PDB file of N, CA and C in Angstrom:
ATOM      1  N   MET A   1     -15.538 -16.101  30.757  1.00  0.00           N
ATOM      2  CA  MET A   1     -15.746 -14.496  29.922  1.00  0.00           C
ATOM      3  C   MET A   1     -14.381 -14.155  29.297  1.00  0.00           C
ATOM      4  N   HIS A   2     -14.641 -13.846  28.008  1.00  0.00           N
ATOM      5  CA  HIS A   2     -13.404 -13.393  27.422  1.00  0.00           C
ATOM      6  C   HIS A   2     -13.257 -11.964  27.453  1.00  0.00           C
ATOM      7  N   GLU A   3     -12.224 -11.392  28.104  1.00  0.00           N
ATOM      8  CA  GLU A   3     -12.418  -9.808  27.856  1.00  0.00           C
ATOM      9  C   GLU A   3     -11.002  -9.299  27.490  1.00  0.00           C
ATOM     10  N   ASP A   4     -11.712  -8.516  26.169  1.00  0.00           N
ATOM     11  CA  ASP A   4     -10.985  -7.702  25.519  1.00  0.00           C
ATOM     12  C   ASP A   4      -9.521  -7.526  25.933  1.00  0.00           C
ATOM     13  N   ALA A   5      -8.394  -6.932  25.281  1.00  0.00           N
ATOM     14  CA  ALA A   5      -7.515  -6.240  26.318  1.00  0.00           C
ATOM     15  C   ALA A   5      -6.662  -5.302  25.401  1.00  0.00           C
ATOM     16  N   LEU A   6      -5.825  -4.623  25.397  1.00  0.00           N
ATOM     17  CA  LEU A   6      -5.140  -3.981  24.443  1.00  0.00           C
ATOM     18  C   LEU A   6      -4.073  -4.610  24.645  1.00  0.00           C
ATOM     19  N   LEU A   7      -3.326  -4.695  23.311  1.00  0.00           N
ATOM     20  CA  LEU A   7      -2.329  -5.443  23.126  1.00  0.00           C
ATOM     21  C   LEU A   7      -0.444  -4.733  23.364  1.00  0.00           C
ATOM     22  N   TYR A   8      -0.728  -3.495  22.535  1.00  0.00           N
ATOM     23  CA  TYR A   8       0.442  -2.193  22.664  1.00  0.00           C
ATOM     24  C   TYR A   8      -0.641  -0.803  21.886  1.00  0.00           C
ATOM     25  N   GLU A   9       0.180  -0.200  22.303  1.00  0.00           N
ATOM     26  CA  GLU A   9      -0.384   1.525  22.247  1.00  0.00           C
ATOM     27  C   GLU A   9       1.275   2.233  21.930  1.00  0.00           C
ATOM     28  N   GLU A  10       1.474   2.858  20.890  1.00  0.00           N
ATOM     29  CA  GLU A  10       3.095   3.390  20.282  1.00  0.00           C
ATOM     30  C   GLU A  10       2.339   4.727  19.960  1.00  0.00           C
ATOM     31  N   THR A  11       2.983   5.445  19.383  1.00  0.00           N
ATOM     32  CA  THR A  11       3.246   7.190  18.987  1.00  0.00           C
ATOM     33  C   THR A  11       3.953   7.484  18.116  1.00  0.00           C
ATOM     34  N   GLU A  12       4.550   7.704  17.241  1.00  0.00           N
ATOM     35  CA  GLU A  12       5.481   7.616  16.289  1.00  0.00           C
ATOM     36  C   GLU A  12       5.269   8.661  15.629  1.00  0.00           C
ATOM     37  N   ALA A  13       6.468   9.040  15.238  1.00  0.00           N
ATOM     38  CA  ALA A  13       6.518  10.295  14.153  1.00  0.00           C
ATOM     39  C   ALA A  13       6.346   9.503  12.456  1.00  0.00           C
ATOM     40  N   THR A  14       5.753  10.348  11.796  1.00  0.00           N
ATOM     41  CA  THR A  14       5.857   8.995  11.018  1.00  0.00           C
ATOM     42  C   THR A  14       6.103   9.989   9.615  1.00  0.00           C
ATOM     43  N   GLU A  15       6.381   9.260   8.413  1.00  0.00           N
ATOM     44  CA  GLU A  15       6.469  10.183   6.774  1.00  0.00           C
ATOM     45  C   GLU A  15       5.562   9.816   5.804  1.00  0.00           C
ATOM     46  N   SER A  16       4.420  10.963   5.484  1.00  0.00           N
ATOM     47  CA  SER A  16       3.630  10.449   4.673  1.00  0.00           C
ATOM     48  C   SER A  16       3.844  11.317   3.332  1.00  0.00           C
ATOM     49  N   ARG A  17       3.415  10.517   2.153  1.00  0.00           N
ATOM     50  CA  ARG A  17       3.710  10.866   1.122  1.00  0.00           C
ATOM     51  C   ARG A  17       2.561  10.695   0.171  1.00  0.00           C
ATOM     52  N   PHE A  18       1.796  11.401  -0.203  1.00  0.00           N
ATOM     53  CA  PHE A  18       0.874  11.119  -1.276  1.00  0.00           C
ATOM     54  C   PHE A  18       1.230  11.195  -2.857  1.00  0.00           C
ATOM     55  N   VAL A  19       0.657  10.021  -3.361  1.00  0.00           N
ATOM     56  CA  VAL A  19       1.101   9.786  -4.749  1.00  0.00           C
ATOM     57  C   VAL A  19      -0.182   9.857  -6.054  1.00  0.00           C
ATOM     58  N   GLY A  20      -0.223  10.049  -6.683  1.00  0.00           N
ATOM     59  CA  GLY A  20      -1.538   9.887  -7.579  1.00  0.00           C
ATOM     60  C   GLY A  20      -1.163   8.878  -9.054  1.00  0.00           C
ATOM     61  N   PHE A  21      -1.641   8.281  -9.646  1.00  0.00           N
ATOM     62  CA  PHE A  21      -1.367   6.936 -10.141  1.00  0.00           C
ATOM     63  C   PHE A  21      -2.586   7.154 -11.327  1.00  0.00           C
ATOM     64  N   LEU A  22      -2.605   7.639 -12.760  1.00  0.00           N
ATOM     65  CA  LEU A  22      -3.567   7.473 -13.779  1.00  0.00           C
ATOM     66  C   LEU A  22      -3.089   6.047 -14.544  1.00  0.00           C
ATOM     67  N   GLY A  23      -3.685   5.102 -14.667  1.00  0.00           N
ATOM     68  CA  GLY A  23      -3.583   3.981 -15.184  1.00  0.00           C
ATOM     69  C   GLY A  23      -4.272   3.852 -16.255  1.00  0.00           C
ATOM     70  N   THR A  24      -4.470   2.224 -17.254  1.00  0.00           N
ATOM     71  CA  THR A  24      -5.472   2.399 -18.544  1.00  0.00           C
ATOM     72  C   THR A  24      -6.758   2.373 -18.499  1.00  0.00           C
ATOM     73  N   THR A  25      -7.539   2.456 -17.132  1.00  0.00           N
ATOM     74  CA  THR A  25      -8.631   2.686 -17.198  1.00  0.00           C
ATOM     75  C   THR A  25      -9.181   3.599 -15.739  1.00  0.00           C
ATOM     76  N   GLU A  26      -8.498   3.739 -14.690  1.00  0.00           N
ATOM     77  CA  GLU A  26      -8.418   4.538 -13.689  1.00  0.00           C
ATOM     78  C   GLU A  26      -7.235   5.508 -12.943  1.00  0.00           C
ATOM     79  N   ARG A  27      -7.763   6.533 -12.277  1.00  0.00           N
ATOM     80  CA  ARG A  27      -7.153   7.053 -11.689  1.00  0.00           C
ATOM     81  C   ARG A  27      -7.304   6.850 -10.092  1.00  0.00           C
ATOM     82  N   LEU A  28      -6.051   6.488  -9.425  1.00  0.00           N
ATOM     83  CA  LEU A  28      -5.635   5.872  -8.291  1.00  0.00           C
ATOM     84  C   LEU A  28      -5.164   7.001  -7.421  1.00  0.00           C
ATOM     85  N   ASP A  29      -5.288   6.931  -5.891  1.00  0.00           N
ATOM     86  CA  ASP A  29      -4.775   8.355  -5.208  1.00  0.00           C
ATOM     87  C   ASP A  29      -4.154   7.255  -4.141  1.00  0.00           C
ATOM     88  N   PHE A  30      -2.750   7.317  -3.934  1.00  0.00           N
ATOM     89  CA  PHE A  30      -2.440   6.529  -2.369  1.00  0.00           C
ATOM     90  C   PHE A  30      -1.843   7.636  -1.820  1.00  0.00           C
ATOM     91  N   VAL A  31      -1.839   6.851  -0.370  1.00  0.00           N
ATOM     92  CA  VAL A  31      -0.293   7.685   0.896  1.00  0.00           C
ATOM     93  C   VAL A  31       0.154   6.519   0.756  1.00  0.00           C
ATOM     94  N   ILE A  32       1.948   6.471   0.882  1.00  0.00           N
ATOM     95  CA  ILE A  32       2.528   6.129   1.497  1.00  0.00           C
ATOM     96  C   ILE A  32       2.934   6.228   2.545  1.00  0.00           C
ATOM     97  N   THR A  33       3.165   5.270   3.824  1.00  0.00           N
ATOM     98  CA  THR A  33       3.513   6.007   5.191  1.00  0.00           C
ATOM     99  C   THR A  33       4.321   5.233   5.193  1.00  0.00           C
ATOM    100  N   SER A  34       5.596   5.594   5.890  1.00  0.00           N
ATOM    101  CA  SER A  34       7.246   5.887   6.513  1.00  0.00           C
ATOM    102  C   SER A  34       7.112   5.080   7.813  1.00  0.00           C
ATOM    103  N   THR A  35       7.186   4.110   8.444  1.00  0.00           N
ATOM    104  CA  THR A  35       7.934   4.005   9.873  1.00  0.00           C
ATOM    105  C   THR A  35       8.501   2.798   9.881  1.00  0.00           C
ATOM    106  N   SER A  36       8.967   3.288  11.166  1.00  0.00           N
ATOM    107  CA  SER A  36      10.124   1.857  11.463  1.00  0.00           C
ATOM    108  C   SER A  36       9.119   0.852  12.386  1.00  0.00           C
ATOM    109  N   HIS A  37       7.686   0.690  12.744  1.00  0.00           N
ATOM    110  CA  HIS A  37       7.105  -0.088  12.811  1.00  0.00           C
ATOM    111  C   HIS A  37       6.621  -1.713  12.187  1.00  0.00           C
ATOM    112  N   PHE A  38       6.970  -1.001  10.452  1.00  0.00           N
ATOM    113  CA  PHE A  38       6.982  -2.463   9.749  1.00  0.00           C
ATOM    114  C   PHE A  38       8.016  -2.863   9.466  1.00  0.00           C
ATOM    115  N   TYR A  39       9.534  -2.969  10.288  1.00  0.00           N
ATOM    116  CA  TYR A  39      10.408  -3.306   9.883  1.00  0.00           C
ATOM    117  C   TYR A  39      11.490  -3.366   8.360  1.00  0.00           C
ATOM    118  N   GLY A  40      11.145  -1.506   7.990  1.00  0.00           N
ATOM    119  CA  GLY A  40      11.184  -1.529   6.534  1.00  0.00           C
ATOM    120  C   GLY A  40      10.059  -1.221   5.537  1.00  0.00           C
ATOM    121  N   LYS A  41       9.099  -1.942   5.579  1.00  0.00           N
ATOM    122  CA  LYS A  41       8.480  -1.956   4.922  1.00  0.00           C
ATOM    123  C   LYS A  41       7.608  -0.777   4.345  1.00  0.00           C
ATOM    124  N   LYS A  42       6.484  -0.328   3.791  1.00  0.00           N
ATOM    125  CA  LYS A  42       5.372   1.288   4.171  1.00  0.00           C
ATOM    126  C   LYS A  42       4.293   0.081   3.890  1.00  0.00           C
ATOM    127  N   LEU A  43       3.434   1.674   4.461  1.00  0.00           N
ATOM    128  CA  LEU A  43       1.822   1.277   4.279  1.00  0.00           C
ATOM    129  C   LEU A  43       1.369   1.825   2.942  1.00  0.00           C
ATOM    130  N   VAL A  44       0.241   1.329   2.723  1.00  0.00           N
ATOM    131  CA  VAL A  44       0.690   1.603   1.225  1.00  0.00           C
ATOM    132  C   VAL A  44      -1.223   1.635   1.373  1.00  0.00           C
ATOM    133  N   THR A  45      -1.821   3.071   1.158  1.00  0.00           N
ATOM    134  CA  THR A  45      -3.241   2.579   1.378  1.00  0.00           C
ATOM    135  C   THR A  45      -3.836   3.597   0.307  1.00  0.00           C
ATOM    136  N   CYS A  46      -4.657   2.988  -0.797  1.00  0.00           N
ATOM    137  CA  CYS A  46      -5.906   3.588  -1.596  1.00  0.00           C
ATOM    138  C   CYS A  46      -7.010   4.550  -0.977  1.00  0.00           C
ATOM    139  N   LEU A  47      -6.366   5.497  -1.431  1.00  0.00           N
ATOM    140  CA  LEU A  47      -7.787   6.045  -0.948  1.00  0.00           C
ATOM    141  C   LEU A  47      -9.228   6.250  -1.153  1.00  0.00           C
ATOM    142  N   GLN A  48      -9.238   5.818  -2.740  1.00  0.00           N
ATOM    143  CA  GLN A  48     -10.361   5.616  -3.152  1.00  0.00           C
ATOM    144  C   GLN A  48     -11.726   4.273  -2.680  1.00  0.00           C
ATOM    145  N   SER A  49     -10.516   3.184  -2.435  1.00  0.00           N
ATOM    146  CA  SER A  49     -11.357   1.818  -2.210  1.00  0.00           C
ATOM    147  C   SER A  49     -10.932   1.755  -0.709  1.00  0.00           C
ATOM    148  N   ARG A  50      -9.993   2.538  -0.106  1.00  0.00           N
ATOM    149  CA  ARG A  50      -9.529   2.540   1.320  1.00  0.00           C
ATOM    150  C   ARG A  50      -9.013   1.156   1.867  1.00  0.00           C
ATOM    151  N   ARG A  51      -8.628   0.749   0.787  1.00  0.00           N
ATOM    152  CA  ARG A  51      -7.927  -0.721   1.254  1.00  0.00           C
ATOM    153  C   ARG A  51      -6.254  -0.312   1.490  1.00  0.00           C
ATOM    154  N   CYS A  52      -5.505  -1.522   2.051  1.00  0.00           N
ATOM    155  CA  CYS A  52      -4.270  -1.162   2.211  1.00  0.00           C
ATOM    156  C   CYS A  52      -3.264  -1.854   2.042  1.00  0.00           C
ATOM    157  N   ALA A  53      -1.901  -2.425   2.177  1.00  0.00           N
ATOM    158  CA  ALA A  53      -1.142  -3.319   2.524  1.00  0.00           C
ATOM    159  C   ALA A  53       0.191  -2.896   2.962  1.00  0.00           C
ATOM    160  N   ILE A  54       0.800  -3.543   3.730  1.00  0.00           N
ATOM    161  CA  ILE A  54       1.891  -3.445   3.670  1.00  0.00           C
ATOM    162  C   ILE A  54       3.146  -3.903   2.999  1.00  0.00           C
ATOM    163  N   LEU A  55       3.629  -3.261   2.119  1.00  0.00           N
ATOM    164  CA  LEU A  55       4.491  -3.730   1.045  1.00  0.00           C
ATOM    165  C   LEU A  55       6.154  -2.830   0.786  1.00  0.00           C
ATOM    166  N   ASP A  56       6.932  -4.281   0.594  1.00  0.00           N
ATOM    167  CA  ASP A  56       8.476  -3.429   0.028  1.00  0.00           C
ATOM    168  C   ASP A  56       8.355  -3.347  -1.490  1.00  0.00           C
ATOM    169  N   ALA A  57       8.920  -2.855  -1.784  1.00  0.00           N
ATOM    170  CA  ALA A  57       9.201  -2.461  -3.378  1.00  0.00           C
ATOM    171  C   ALA A  57       9.576  -3.892  -4.350  1.00  0.00           C
ATOM    172  N   ALA A  58       9.884  -5.062  -3.579  1.00  0.00           N
ATOM    173  CA  ALA A  58       9.906  -6.330  -4.117  1.00  0.00           C
ATOM    174  C   ALA A  58       8.335  -7.165  -3.982  1.00  0.00           C
ATOM    175  N   GLU A  59       7.760  -6.735  -3.073  1.00  0.00           N
ATOM    176  CA  GLU A  59       6.446  -6.968  -3.069  1.00  0.00           C
ATOM    177  C   GLU A  59       5.633  -6.614  -3.600  1.00  0.00           C
ATOM    178  N   ALA A  60       5.742  -5.499  -4.186  1.00  0.00           N
ATOM    179  CA  ALA A  60       4.898  -3.987  -4.923  1.00  0.00           C
ATOM    180  C   ALA A  60       5.352  -4.950  -6.386  1.00  0.00           C
ATOM    181  N   GLU A  61       5.759  -6.099  -7.187  1.00  0.00           N
ATOM    182  CA  GLU A  61       6.008  -6.206  -8.073  1.00  0.00           C
ATOM    183  C   GLU A  61       5.585  -7.587  -8.206  1.00  0.00           C
ATOM    184  N   ASP A  62       4.892  -7.675  -7.548  1.00  0.00           N
ATOM    185  CA  ASP A  62       3.895  -9.062  -7.561  1.00  0.00           C
ATOM    186  C   ASP A  62       2.410  -9.232  -8.107  1.00  0.00           C
ATOM    187  N   VAL A  63       2.350  -9.268  -9.300  1.00  0.00           N
ATOM    188  CA  VAL A  63       0.923  -8.585  -9.961  1.00  0.00           C
ATOM    189  C   VAL A  63      -0.091  -9.422  -9.269  1.00  0.00           C
ATOM    190  N   ASP A  64      -0.026 -10.559  -9.090  1.00  0.00           N
ATOM    191  CA  ASP A  64      -1.004 -10.950  -8.406  1.00  0.00           C
ATOM    192  C   ASP A  64      -1.594 -10.360  -6.548  1.00  0.00           C
ATOM    193  N   LEU A  65      -0.339 -10.154  -5.998  1.00  0.00           N
ATOM    194  CA  LEU A  65      -0.382  -9.423  -4.796  1.00  0.00           C
ATOM    195  C   LEU A  65      -1.610  -8.362  -4.632  1.00  0.00           C
ATOM    196  N   ILE A  66      -0.903  -7.335  -5.770  1.00  0.00           N
ATOM    197  CA  ILE A  66      -1.725  -6.378  -5.738  1.00  0.00           C
ATOM    198  C   ILE A  66      -3.007  -6.024  -6.667  1.00  0.00           C
ATOM    199  N   LYS A  67      -2.981  -7.292  -7.201  1.00  0.00           N
ATOM    200  CA  LYS A  67      -4.673  -7.124  -8.062  1.00  0.00           C
ATOM    201  C   LYS A  67      -5.639  -7.781  -6.828  1.00  0.00           C
ATOM    202  N   GLN A  68      -4.567  -8.609  -5.455  1.00  0.00           N
ATOM    203  CA  GLN A  68      -5.690  -9.262  -4.673  1.00  0.00           C
ATOM    204  C   GLN A  68      -5.930  -7.685  -3.531  1.00  0.00           C
ATOM    205  N   GLN A  69      -4.872  -7.238  -3.127  1.00  0.00           N
ATOM    206  CA  GLN A  69      -4.910  -6.041  -2.192  1.00  0.00           C
ATOM    207  C   GLN A  69      -5.662  -4.814  -2.649  1.00  0.00           C
ATOM    208  N   PHE A  70      -5.127  -4.493  -3.630  1.00  0.00           N
ATOM    209  CA  PHE A  70      -6.389  -3.538  -4.370  1.00  0.00           C
ATOM    210  C   PHE A  70      -7.813  -3.949  -4.909  1.00  0.00           C
ATOM    211  N   ASP A  71      -8.144  -5.261  -4.809  1.00  0.00           N
ATOM    212  CA  ASP A  71      -9.093  -5.401  -5.219  1.00  0.00           C
ATOM    213  C   ASP A  71      -9.322  -4.985  -6.821  1.00  0.00           C
ATOM    214  N   LEU A  72      -7.757  -5.385  -7.777  1.00  0.00           N
ATOM    215  CA  LEU A  72      -8.161  -4.821  -8.772  1.00  0.00           C
ATOM    216  C   LEU A  72      -8.794  -6.447 -10.084  1.00  0.00           C
ATOM    217  N   ASP A  73      -9.458  -6.052 -11.157  1.00  0.00           N
ATOM    218  CA  ASP A  73      -9.880  -7.099 -12.322  1.00  0.00           C
ATOM    219  C   ASP A  73      -8.906  -6.801 -13.275  1.00  0.00           C
ATOM    220  N   ASP A  74      -9.357  -6.034 -13.540  1.00  0.00           N
ATOM    221  CA  ASP A  74      -8.035  -5.753 -15.109  1.00  0.00           C
ATOM    222  C   ASP A  74      -6.677  -5.757 -14.485  1.00  0.00           C
ATOM    223  N   GLU A  75      -5.961  -7.000 -15.758  1.00  0.00           N
ATOM    224  CA  GLU A  75      -4.609  -7.307 -15.504  1.00  0.00           C
ATOM    225  C   GLU A  75      -4.121  -6.434 -16.121  1.00  0.00           C
ATOM    226  N   GLU A  76      -4.449  -5.474 -17.006  1.00  0.00           N
ATOM    227  CA  GLU A  76      -3.251  -4.106 -17.691  1.00  0.00           C
ATOM    228  C   GLU A  76      -2.826  -3.115 -16.379  1.00  0.00           C
ATOM    229  N   SER A  77      -4.070  -2.535 -16.144  1.00  0.00           N
ATOM    230  CA  SER A  77      -3.793  -2.026 -14.980  1.00  0.00           C
ATOM    231  C   SER A  77      -3.401  -2.439 -13.506  1.00  0.00           C
ATOM    232  N   ALA A  78      -3.585  -3.938 -13.058  1.00  0.00           N
ATOM    233  CA  ALA A  78      -2.542  -4.161 -12.122  1.00  0.00           C
ATOM    234  C   ALA A  78      -1.155  -4.158 -12.605  1.00  0.00           C
ATOM    235  N   VAL A  79      -0.383  -4.430 -13.835  1.00  0.00           N
ATOM    236  CA  VAL A  79       0.760  -4.686 -13.639  1.00  0.00           C
ATOM    237  C   VAL A  79       1.400  -3.133 -13.990  1.00  0.00           C
ATOM    238  N   SER A  80       0.778  -2.396 -14.212  1.00  0.00           N
ATOM    239  CA  SER A  80       0.706  -0.813 -14.201  1.00  0.00           C
ATOM    240  C   SER A  80       1.521  -0.268 -13.083  1.00  0.00           C
ATOM    241  N   LEU A  81      -0.213  -0.848 -12.323  1.00  0.00           N
ATOM    242  CA  LEU A  81      -0.162  -0.185 -10.988  1.00  0.00           C
ATOM    243  C   LEU A  81       1.032  -0.947  -9.736  1.00  0.00           C
ATOM    244  N   ALA A  82       1.566  -1.977 -10.258  1.00  0.00           N
ATOM    245  CA  ALA A  82       3.229  -2.805  -9.563  1.00  0.00           C
ATOM    246  C   ALA A  82       4.060  -2.088  -9.639  1.00  0.00           C
ATOM    247  N   ALA A  83       4.271  -2.114 -11.065  1.00  0.00           N
ATOM    248  CA  ALA A  83       5.189  -1.446 -11.542  1.00  0.00           C
ATOM    249  C   ALA A  83       5.136   0.293 -10.630  1.00  0.00           C
ATOM    250  N   PHE A  84       4.966   1.100 -10.921  1.00  0.00           N
ATOM    251  CA  PHE A  84       4.379   1.949 -10.158  1.00  0.00           C
ATOM    252  C   PHE A  84       4.748   2.318  -8.884  1.00  0.00           C
ATOM    253  N   LEU A  85       3.885   1.264  -7.803  1.00  0.00           N
ATOM    254  CA  LEU A  85       4.067   1.136  -6.665  1.00  0.00           C
ATOM    255  C   LEU A  85       5.645   0.708  -6.054  1.00  0.00           C
ATOM    256  N   SER A  86       6.473   0.155  -7.103  1.00  0.00           N
ATOM    257  CA  SER A  86       7.729  -0.343  -6.695  1.00  0.00           C
ATOM    258  C   SER A  86       8.411   0.658  -6.828  1.00  0.00           C
ATOM    259  N   SER A  87       8.326   1.172  -8.228  1.00  0.00           N
ATOM    260  CA  SER A  87       9.037   2.806  -7.861  1.00  0.00           C
ATOM    261  C   SER A  87       8.958   3.567  -7.076  1.00  0.00           C
ATOM    262  N   GLN A  88       7.776   3.538  -6.318  1.00  0.00           N
ATOM    263  CA  GLN A  88       7.521   4.569  -5.513  1.00  0.00           C
ATOM    264  C   GLN A  88       8.261   3.960  -4.177  1.00  0.00           C
ATOM    265  N   LEU A  89       8.226   2.740  -3.551  1.00  0.00           N
ATOM    266  CA  LEU A  89       8.836   2.448  -2.472  1.00  0.00           C
ATOM    267  C   LEU A  89      10.236   1.736  -2.694  1.00  0.00           C
ATOM    268  N   SER A  90      10.694   1.952  -3.646  1.00  0.00           N
ATOM    269  CA  SER A  90      12.329   1.812  -3.746  1.00  0.00           C
ATOM    270  C   SER A  90      13.084   3.490  -3.659  1.00  0.00           C
ATOM    271  N   SER A  91      12.098   4.168  -3.377  1.00  0.00           N
ATOM    272  CA  SER A  91      12.882   5.901  -3.569  1.00  0.00           C
ATOM    273  C   SER A  91      13.110   6.098  -1.781  1.00  0.00           C
TER     274      SER A  91
END
């Protein structure tokens, strides 16, 4: 019989930014969390959908990835969000 096991547990001080995005069809609120745990990438969480992605600025430019990660149907909103997230992750 297989037993579940804790693989790791770490505690770290992180920095979180709360940013709002107003697209062509909707408003989205995000938490961008900076941590050393993701090797320079940031944890981006959408508060409305509760979906998250681990991204860097270059990955955020990928419109198809943004559509998939944040469950967006509208191409125009996805393009705008990708540009917005890329700018937020490069700062």
